[in-house]
C-alpha atoms as a PDB file:
ATOM      1  CA  MET A   1     -12.209   2.684  14.521  1.00  0.00           C
ATOM      2  CA  ARG A   2      -9.614   0.121  15.667  1.00  0.00           C
ATOM      3  CA  ASN A   3     -12.311  -2.586  15.401  1.00  0.00           C
ATOM      4  CA  TYR A   4     -12.236  -2.107  11.638  1.00  0.00           C
ATOM      5  CA  VAL A   5      -8.451  -2.482  11.249  1.00  0.00           C
ATOM      6  CA  PRO A   6      -8.385  -6.344  11.253  1.00  0.00           C
ATOM      7  CA  LEU A   7     -11.236  -6.425   8.719  1.00  0.00           C
ATOM      8  CA  LEU A   8      -9.463  -3.894   6.495  1.00  0.00           C
ATOM      9  CA  ALA A   9      -6.222  -5.892   6.710  1.00  0.00           C
ATOM     10  CA  GLN A  10      -8.109  -9.088   5.790  1.00  0.00           C
ATOM     11  CA  ASP A  11      -9.782  -7.339   2.831  1.00  0.00           C
ATOM     12  CA  THR A  12      -6.400  -6.115   1.582  1.00  0.00           C
ATOM     13  CA  ARG A  13      -4.907  -9.620   1.740  1.00  0.00           C
ATOM     14  CA  GLN A  14      -7.907 -11.216   0.043  1.00  0.00           C
ATOM     15  CA  THR A  15      -8.062  -8.551  -2.677  1.00  0.00           C
ATOM     16  CA  PHE A  16      -4.422  -9.072  -3.663  1.00  0.00           C
ATOM     17  CA  LYS A  17      -4.943 -12.857  -3.782  1.00  0.00           C
ATOM     18  CA  ASP A  18      -8.046 -12.735  -6.018  1.00  0.00           C
ATOM     19  CA  PRO A  19      -7.505 -11.394  -9.599  1.00  0.00           C
ATOM     20  CA  MET A  20     -11.212 -10.505  -9.904  1.00  0.00           C
ATOM     21  CA  LEU A  21     -11.156  -8.387  -6.756  1.00  0.00           C
ATOM     22  CA  LEU A  22      -7.836  -6.854  -7.770  1.00  0.00           C
ATOM     23  CA  ALA A  23      -9.295  -5.828 -11.149  1.00  0.00           C
ATOM     24  CA  SER A  24     -12.289  -4.288  -9.364  1.00  0.00           C
ATOM     25  CA  LEU A  25      -9.941  -2.201  -7.230  1.00  0.00           C
ATOM     26  CA  PHE A  26      -7.547  -1.006  -9.930  1.00  0.00           C
ATOM     27  CA  GLY A  27     -10.041  -0.895 -12.838  1.00  0.00           C
ATOM     28  CA  PRO A  28     -11.206   2.662 -12.020  1.00  0.00           C
ATOM     29  CA  LEU A  29      -7.585   3.867 -12.061  1.00  0.00           C
ATOM     30  CA  PHE A  30      -7.165   2.480 -15.593  1.00  0.00           C
ATOM     31  CA  VAL A  31     -10.375   4.285 -16.628  1.00  0.00           C
ATOM     32  CA  ILE A  32      -8.962   7.590 -15.315  1.00  0.00           C
ATOM     33  CA  ILE A  33      -5.570   7.010 -16.982  1.00  0.00           C
ATOM     34  CA  PHE A  34      -7.225   6.102 -20.312  1.00  0.00           C
ATOM     35  CA  ALA A  35      -9.429   9.201 -20.174  1.00  0.00           C
ATOM     36  CA  ARG A  36      -6.425  11.426 -19.393  1.00  0.00           C
ATOM     37  CA  LEU A  37      -3.840   9.954 -21.730  1.00  0.00           C
ATOM     38  CA  GLY A  38      -5.641   7.777 -24.266  1.00  0.00           C
ATOM     39  CA  PHE A  39      -8.929   9.402 -25.241  1.00  0.00           C
ATOM     40  CA  PHE A  40      -7.770  12.418 -27.233  1.00  0.00           C
ATOM     41  CA  PRO A  41      -4.990  10.549 -29.136  1.00  0.00           C
ATOM     42  CA  LEU A  42      -7.559   7.837 -29.942  1.00  0.00           C
ATOM     43  CA  SER A  43     -10.042  10.493 -31.049  1.00  0.00           C
ATOM     44  CA  ALA A  44      -7.421  12.107 -33.324  1.00  0.00           C
ATOM     45  CA  TRP A  45      -6.536   8.705 -34.853  1.00  0.00           C
ATOM     46  CA  ILE A  46     -10.204   7.853 -35.537  1.00  0.00           C
ATOM     47  CA  GLU A  47     -10.732  11.269 -37.157  1.00  0.00           C
ATOM     48  CA  GLN A  48      -7.657  10.808 -39.320  1.00  0.00           C
ATOM     49  CA  GLN A  49      -8.564   7.262 -40.372  1.00  0.00           C
ATOM     50  CA  TYR A  50     -12.353   7.497 -40.683  1.00  0.00           C
ATOM     51  CA  GLY A  51     -13.228  11.213 -40.637  1.00  0.00           C
ATOM     52  CA  PHE A  52     -15.354  10.795 -37.478  1.00  0.00           C
ATOM     53  CA  ARG A  53     -14.865  13.397 -34.717  1.00  0.00           C
ATOM     54  CA  LEU A  54     -15.165  11.401 -31.495  1.00  0.00           C
ATOM     55  CA  ALA A  55     -14.124  14.516 -29.548  1.00  0.00           C
ATOM     56  CA  ASP A  56     -17.513  16.085 -30.381  1.00  0.00           C
ATOM     57  CA  TYR A  57     -19.049  13.495 -28.046  1.00  0.00           C
ATOM     58  CA  THR A  58     -16.736  14.213 -25.106  1.00  0.00           C
ATOM     59  CA  PRO A  59     -19.602  15.020 -22.643  1.00  0.00           C
ATOM     60  CA  PHE A  60     -21.245  11.671 -23.448  1.00  0.00           C
ATOM     61  CA  ILE A  61     -17.917   9.816 -23.179  1.00  0.00           C
ATOM     62  CA  ALA A  62     -17.357  11.435 -19.750  1.00  0.00           C
ATOM     63  CA  THR A  63     -20.789  10.316 -18.461  1.00  0.00           C
ATOM     64  CA  PHE A  64     -20.300   6.821 -19.938  1.00  0.00           C
ATOM     65  CA  LEU A  65     -16.798   6.114 -18.603  1.00  0.00           C
ATOM     66  CA  VAL A  66     -17.500   7.406 -15.093  1.00  0.00           C
ATOM     67  CA  ILE A  67     -20.301   4.830 -14.648  1.00  0.00           C
ATOM     68  CA  ALA A  68     -17.667   2.081 -14.406  1.00  0.00           C
ATOM     69  CA  ILE A  69     -16.014   3.674 -11.371  1.00  0.00           C
ATOM     70  CA  PRO A  70     -18.657   3.032  -8.630  1.00  0.00           C
ATOM     71  CA  LEU A  71     -19.621  -0.240 -10.331  1.00  0.00           C
ATOM     72  CA  LEU A  72     -16.234  -1.845  -9.666  1.00  0.00           C
ATOM     73  CA  PRO A  73     -15.748  -1.132  -5.912  1.00  0.00           C
ATOM     74  CA  GLY A  74     -19.454  -1.894  -5.391  1.00  0.00           C
ATOM     75  CA  THR A  75     -18.981  -5.289  -7.056  1.00  0.00           C
ATOM     76  CA  MET A  76     -15.800  -5.932  -5.065  1.00  0.00           C
ATOM     77  CA  ALA A  77     -17.544  -5.284  -1.738  1.00  0.00           C
ATOM     78  CA  GLY A  78     -20.563  -7.395  -2.786  1.00  0.00           C
ATOM     79  CA  LEU A  79     -18.357 -10.379  -3.655  1.00  0.00           C
ATOM     80  CA  LEU A  80     -16.509 -10.032  -0.346  1.00  0.00           C
ATOM     81  CA  MET A  81     -19.831 -10.075   1.528  1.00  0.00           C
ATOM     82  CA  LEU A  82     -20.956 -13.179  -0.358  1.00  0.00           C
ATOM     83  CA  ASP A  83     -17.659 -14.885   0.410  1.00  0.00           C
ATOM     84  CA  GLU A  84     -18.042 -14.078   4.111  1.00  0.00           C
ATOM     85  CA  ARG A  85     -21.661 -15.209   4.131  1.00  0.00           C
ATOM     86  CA  ASP A  86     -20.657 -18.510   2.468  1.00  0.00           C
ATOM     87  CA  LYS A  87     -18.100 -19.030   5.249  1.00  0.00           C
ATOM     88  CA  ASN A  88     -20.596 -17.975   7.955  1.00  0.00           C
ATOM     89  CA  MET A  89     -18.250 -15.149   8.934  1.00  0.00           C
ATOM     90  CA  ILE A  90     -21.088 -12.645   9.462  1.00  0.00           C
ATOM     91  CA  SER A  91     -22.269 -14.658  12.481  1.00  0.00           C
ATOM     92  CA  TYR A  92     -18.684 -14.664  13.742  1.00  0.00           C
ATOM     93  CA  TYR A  93     -18.387 -10.866  13.442  1.00  0.00           C
ATOM     94  CA  ALA A  94     -21.727 -10.489  15.270  1.00  0.00           C
ATOM     95  CA  VAL A  95     -20.165 -11.795  18.520  1.00  0.00           C
ATOM     96  CA  THR A  96     -16.965  -9.724  18.242  1.00  0.00           C
ATOM     97  CA  PRO A  97     -16.622  -6.077  19.428  1.00  0.00           C
ATOM     98  CA  LEU A  98     -17.297  -5.105  15.818  1.00  0.00           C
ATOM     99  CA  ALA A  99     -20.860  -6.544  16.083  1.00  0.00           C
ATOM    100  CA  ARG A 100     -23.143  -7.161  13.124  1.00  0.00           C
ATOM    101  CA  GLN A 101     -24.072  -3.477  12.841  1.00  0.00           C
ATOM    102  CA  GLY A 102     -20.415  -2.443  12.735  1.00  0.00           C
ATOM    103  CA  TYR A 103     -19.708  -5.061  10.077  1.00  0.00           C
ATOM    104  CA  PHE A 104     -22.641  -3.878   8.030  1.00  0.00           C
ATOM    105  CA  ILE A 105     -21.569  -0.198   8.286  1.00  0.00           C
ATOM    106  CA  TYR A 106     -18.003  -1.095   7.280  1.00  0.00           C
ATOM    107  CA  ARG A 107     -19.132  -3.082   4.245  1.00  0.00           C
ATOM    108  CA  LEU A 108     -21.280  -0.187   2.959  1.00  0.00           C
ATOM    109  CA  VAL A 109     -18.989   2.716   3.856  1.00  0.00           C
ATOM    110  CA  LEU A 110     -15.883   1.178   2.239  1.00  0.00           C
ATOM    111  CA  PRO A 111     -17.297   1.098  -1.345  1.00  0.00           C
ATOM    112  CA  CYS A 112     -18.777   4.584  -0.743  1.00  0.00           C
ATOM    113  CA  LEU A 113     -15.358   5.996   0.150  1.00  0.00           C
ATOM    114  CA  LEU A 114     -13.659   4.255  -2.776  1.00  0.00           C
ATOM    115  CA  ALA A 115     -16.371   5.378  -5.212  1.00  0.00           C
ATOM    116  CA  PHE A 116     -16.237   8.972  -3.924  1.00  0.00           C
ATOM    117  CA  ALA A 117     -12.433   9.246  -4.076  1.00  0.00           C
ATOM    118  CA  LEU A 118     -12.121   7.596  -7.497  1.00  0.00           C
ATOM    119  CA  THR A 119     -15.079   9.427  -9.086  1.00  0.00           C
ATOM    120  CA  ALA A 120     -13.796  12.773  -7.772  1.00  0.00           C
ATOM    121  CA  SER A 121     -10.379  11.885  -9.211  1.00  0.00           C
ATOM    122  CA  PHE A 122     -12.016  11.228 -12.583  1.00  0.00           C
ATOM    123  CA  TYR A 123     -13.677  14.647 -12.663  1.00  0.00           C
ATOM    124  CA  LEU A 124     -10.545  16.417 -11.399  1.00  0.00           C
ATOM    125  CA  PHE A 125      -7.831  14.665 -13.400  1.00  0.00           C
ATOM    126  CA  ALA A 126      -9.310  12.870 -16.436  1.00  0.00           C
ATOM    127  CA  GLY A 127      -9.568  16.090 -18.439  1.00  0.00           C
ATOM    128  CA  LEU A 128     -12.934  15.214 -20.026  1.00  0.00           C
ATOM    129  CA  ALA A 129     -15.114  17.442 -17.822  1.00  0.00           C
ATOM    130  CA  SER A 130     -14.559  20.535 -15.727  1.00  0.00           C
ATOM    131  CA  PHE A 131     -15.571  20.244 -12.062  1.00  0.00           C
ATOM    132  CA  GLY A 132     -18.780  22.219 -11.522  1.00  0.00           C
ATOM    133  CA  TRP A 133     -22.249  21.787 -10.062  1.00  0.00           C
ATOM    134  CA  GLY A 134     -23.134  19.102 -12.621  1.00  0.00           C
ATOM    135  CA  SER A 135     -20.040  17.093 -11.728  1.00  0.00           C
ATOM    136  CA  LEU A 136     -20.793  17.520  -8.015  1.00  0.00           C
ATOM    137  CA  PHE A 137     -24.370  16.284  -8.476  1.00  0.00           C
ATOM    138  CA  ALA A 138     -23.137  13.287 -10.475  1.00  0.00           C
ATOM    139  CA  LEU A 139     -20.404  12.592  -7.888  1.00  0.00           C
ATOM    140  CA  ILE A 140     -22.934  12.376  -5.029  1.00  0.00           C
ATOM    141  CA  LEU A 141     -25.327  10.124  -6.954  1.00  0.00           C
ATOM    142  CA  LEU A 142     -22.565   7.840  -8.248  1.00  0.00           C
ATOM    143  CA  THR A 143     -21.141   7.506  -4.732  1.00  0.00           C
ATOM    144  CA  LEU A 144     -24.534   6.215  -3.561  1.00  0.00           C
ATOM    145  CA  GLU A 145     -24.587   3.655  -6.365  1.00  0.00           C
ATOM    146  CA  ALA A 146     -21.613   1.713  -4.996  1.00  0.00           C
ATOM    147  CA  PRO A 147     -23.409   0.459  -1.815  1.00  0.00           C
ATOM    148  CA  CYS A 148     -26.557  -0.186  -3.905  1.00  0.00           C
ATOM    149  CA  ILE A 149     -24.549  -2.554  -6.135  1.00  0.00           C
ATOM    150  CA  THR A 150     -22.952  -4.176  -3.062  1.00  0.00           C
ATOM    151  CA  LEU A 151     -26.367  -4.812  -1.499  1.00  0.00           C
ATOM    152  CA  PHE A 152     -27.900  -5.967  -4.793  1.00  0.00           C
ATOM    153  CA  LEU A 153     -25.302  -8.735  -5.092  1.00  0.00           C
ATOM    154  CA  ALA A 154     -25.406  -9.645  -1.386  1.00  0.00           C
ATOM    155  CA  ALA A 155     -29.217  -9.683  -1.239  1.00  0.00           C
ATOM    156  CA  PHE A 156     -30.057 -11.597  -4.413  1.00  0.00           C
ATOM    157  CA  ALA A 157     -27.121 -13.978  -4.950  1.00  0.00           C
ATOM    158  CA  SER A 158     -26.942 -17.247  -3.042  1.00  0.00           C
ATOM    159  CA  ASN A 159     -23.179 -17.574  -3.378  1.00  0.00           C
ATOM    160  CA  LYS A 160     -20.121 -15.978  -4.985  1.00  0.00           C
ATOM    161  CA  VAL A 161     -20.682 -17.756  -8.324  1.00  0.00           C
ATOM    162  CA  GLU A 162     -24.214 -16.369  -8.561  1.00  0.00           C
ATOM    163  CA  GLY A 163     -22.815 -12.994  -7.496  1.00  0.00           C
ATOM    164  CA  LEU A 164     -20.447 -13.004 -10.461  1.00  0.00           C
ATOM    165  CA  ALA A 165     -23.360 -13.851 -12.769  1.00  0.00           C
ATOM    166  CA  LEU A 166     -25.529 -11.098 -11.282  1.00  0.00           C
ATOM    167  CA  SER A 167     -22.687  -8.585 -11.567  1.00  0.00           C
ATOM    168  CA  LYS A 168     -22.963  -8.944 -15.359  1.00  0.00           C
ATOM    169  CA  LEU A 169     -26.540  -7.633 -15.115  1.00  0.00           C
ATOM    170  CA  CYS A 170     -25.047  -4.433 -13.707  1.00  0.00           C
ATOM    171  CA  GLY A 171     -23.844  -3.794 -17.258  1.00  0.00           C
ATOM    172  CA  LEU A 172     -27.385  -2.497 -17.861  1.00  0.00           C
ATOM    173  CA  LEU A 173     -26.329   0.559 -15.860  1.00  0.00           C
ATOM    174  CA  PHE A 174     -24.299   1.734 -18.880  1.00  0.00           C
ATOM    175  CA  ALA A 175     -27.601   2.274 -20.711  1.00  0.00           C
ATOM    176  CA  GLY A 176     -28.392   5.256 -18.443  1.00  0.00           C
ATOM    177  CA  PRO A 177     -25.988   7.801 -20.028  1.00  0.00           C
ATOM    178  CA  VAL A 178     -26.627   6.390 -23.542  1.00  0.00           C
ATOM    179  CA  ILE A 179     -30.378   6.979 -23.246  1.00  0.00           C
ATOM    180  CA  ALA A 180     -29.910  10.370 -21.529  1.00  0.00           C
ATOM    181  CA  SER A 181     -27.637  11.504 -24.392  1.00  0.00           C
ATOM    182  CA  PHE A 182     -29.261  10.104 -27.546  1.00  0.00           C
ATOM    183  CA  VAL A 183     -32.938   9.214 -26.983  1.00  0.00           C
ATOM    184  CA  PRO A 184     -35.294  12.155 -27.695  1.00  0.00           C
ATOM    185  CA  LEU A 185     -37.597  13.592 -25.057  1.00  0.00           C
ATOM    186  CA  PRO A 186     -39.942  12.522 -23.549  1.00  0.00           C
ATOM    187  CA  TRP A 187     -39.104   8.903 -24.458  1.00  0.00           C
ATOM    188  CA  GLN A 188     -35.798   8.939 -22.567  1.00  0.00           C
ATOM    189  CA  TYR A 189     -37.711   9.136 -19.261  1.00  0.00           C
ATOM    190  CA  ALA A 190     -38.710   5.508 -19.839  1.00  0.00           C
ATOM    191  CA  ALA A 191     -35.209   4.832 -18.428  1.00  0.00           C
ATOM    192  CA  ALA A 192     -35.924   6.776 -15.221  1.00  0.00           C
ATOM    193  CA  TRP A 193     -35.776   3.497 -13.255  1.00  0.00           C
ATOM    194  CA  LEU A 194     -32.064   3.206 -14.075  1.00  0.00           C
ATOM    195  CA  PRO A 195     -30.046   4.888 -11.272  1.00  0.00           C
ATOM    196  CA  THR A 196     -27.311   5.932 -13.730  1.00  0.00           C
ATOM    197  CA  PHE A 197     -29.842   7.883 -15.822  1.00  0.00           C
ATOM    198  CA  TRP A 198     -30.058  10.678 -13.217  1.00  0.00           C
ATOM    199  CA  PRO A 199     -26.360  11.573 -12.720  1.00  0.00           C
ATOM    200  CA  ALA A 200     -25.977  11.675 -16.503  1.00  0.00           C
ATOM    201  CA  LYS A 201     -29.055  13.930 -16.882  1.00  0.00           C
ATOM    202  CA  ALA A 202     -27.951  16.296 -14.084  1.00  0.00           C
ATOM    203  CA  PHE A 203     -24.405  16.512 -15.476  1.00  0.00           C
ATOM    204  CA  LEU A 204     -25.564  17.180 -19.052  1.00  0.00           C
ATOM    205  CA  ALA A 205     -28.197  19.736 -17.951  1.00  0.00           C
ATOM    206  CA  ASP A 206     -25.560  21.756 -16.071  1.00  0.00           C
ATOM    207  CA  LEU A 207     -23.207  21.478 -19.044  1.00  0.00           C
ATOM    208  CA  ASN A 208     -25.972  22.910 -21.273  1.00  0.00           C
ATOM    209  CA  GLY A 209     -26.263  25.970 -19.013  1.00  0.00           C
ATOM    210  CA  GLU A 210     -29.397  24.839 -17.150  1.00  0.00           C
ATOM    211  CA  PRO A 211     -28.323  24.886 -13.446  1.00  0.00           C
ATOM    212  CA  VAL A 212     -31.878  24.979 -12.026  1.00  0.00           C
ATOM    213  CA  ARG A 213     -32.936  22.011 -14.154  1.00  0.00           C
ATOM    214  CA  ALA A 214     -29.735  20.190 -13.141  1.00  0.00           C
ATOM    215  CA  ALA A 215     -30.566  20.776  -9.447  1.00  0.00           C
ATOM    216  CA  ILE A 216     -34.127  19.456  -9.929  1.00  0.00           C
ATOM    217  CA  LEU A 217     -32.848  16.354 -11.739  1.00  0.00           C
ATOM    218  CA  PHE A 218     -30.309  15.820  -8.952  1.00  0.00           C
ATOM    219  CA  ALA A 219     -33.030  16.060  -6.281  1.00  0.00           C
ATOM    220  CA  ILE A 220     -35.171  13.467  -8.097  1.00  0.00           C
ATOM    221  CA  GLY A 221     -32.144  11.205  -8.565  1.00  0.00           C
ATOM    222  CA  LEU A 222     -31.146  11.574  -4.914  1.00  0.00           C
ATOM    223  CA  GLY A 223     -34.632  10.536  -3.782  1.00  0.00           C
ATOM    224  CA  LEU A 224     -34.544   7.519  -6.097  1.00  0.00           C
ATOM    225  CA  HIS A 225     -31.105   6.433  -4.879  1.00  0.00           C
ATOM    226  CA  LEU A 226     -32.089   6.745  -1.193  1.00  0.00           C
ATOM    227  CA  ILE A 227     -35.292   4.746  -1.743  1.00  0.00           C
ATOM    228  CA  LEU A 228     -33.327   2.082  -3.621  1.00  0.00           C
ATOM    229  CA  LEU A 229     -30.655   1.930  -0.903  1.00  0.00           C
ATOM    230  CA  ARG A 230     -33.227   1.600   1.875  1.00  0.00           C
ATOM    231  CA  SER A 231     -35.114  -1.133  -0.011  1.00  0.00           C
ATOM    232  CA  LEU A 232     -31.934  -3.125  -0.628  1.00  0.00           C
ATOM    233  CA  VAL A 233     -30.900  -2.831   3.043  1.00  0.00           C
ATOM    234  CA  ARG A 234     -34.266  -4.296   4.078  1.00  0.00           C
ATOM    235  CA  VAL A 235     -33.999  -7.161   1.583  1.00  0.00           C
ATOM    236  CA  PHE A 236     -30.462  -7.961   2.701  1.00  0.00           C
ATOM    237  CA  LEU A 237     -31.351  -7.902   6.415  1.00  0.00           C
ATOM    238  CA  ARG A 238     -34.252 -10.290   5.795  1.00  0.00           C
ATOM    239  CA  ARG A 239     -31.849 -12.545   3.886  1.00  0.00           C
ATOM    240  CA  ILE A 240     -29.314 -12.871   6.701  1.00  0.00           C
ATOM    241  CA  ASP A 241     -31.849 -13.113   9.567  1.00  0.00           C
END
């Protein structure tokens, strides 16, 4: 564990120096605070001004906002990896007691831990969704999405600038809960390739009183996330070899 302390200290220094990384770290906290303190007053104002009850769409809003939480620490870790690859630091870590495997584990576990803690905080404190089986299924799948985003950026971007450009493509992930909530069956399964489709489906199925269906959707989503994670690990390892 002590081998990771210098790397964690370096990450902390670099994050507080870089506004983009800092926003990726604190962005999920603003999402939770907005959901807790801002959503219902905003909903009441919109209803008063325009007669539209935004509160009727609270389950969709919960699935939509929570997508941003693993996206941000995943992006932060991906940009850090690109920065270290640009500076040839991965080769340096390979000859330290940390070794390349230790570095790789650290870079994937850190966004997982951040995504898990922040997503759990959203479900527990945001006040938009009660914590049940659906939330637990979504929490597990969303936690796995953070290292997928990290590896996507690290595997397909040549440098940090390209990583920033690719991170904008991750905005497509917000389509998952939109399609799961509003597109009629069976057409919504055309979005099954989107990882964020499955946590939204499992969460909404449990909310609709369908726990068995929620568990089946979770199992399918878990398989998809593990396949995606394994594929991205292979692509990244080929890239740095």
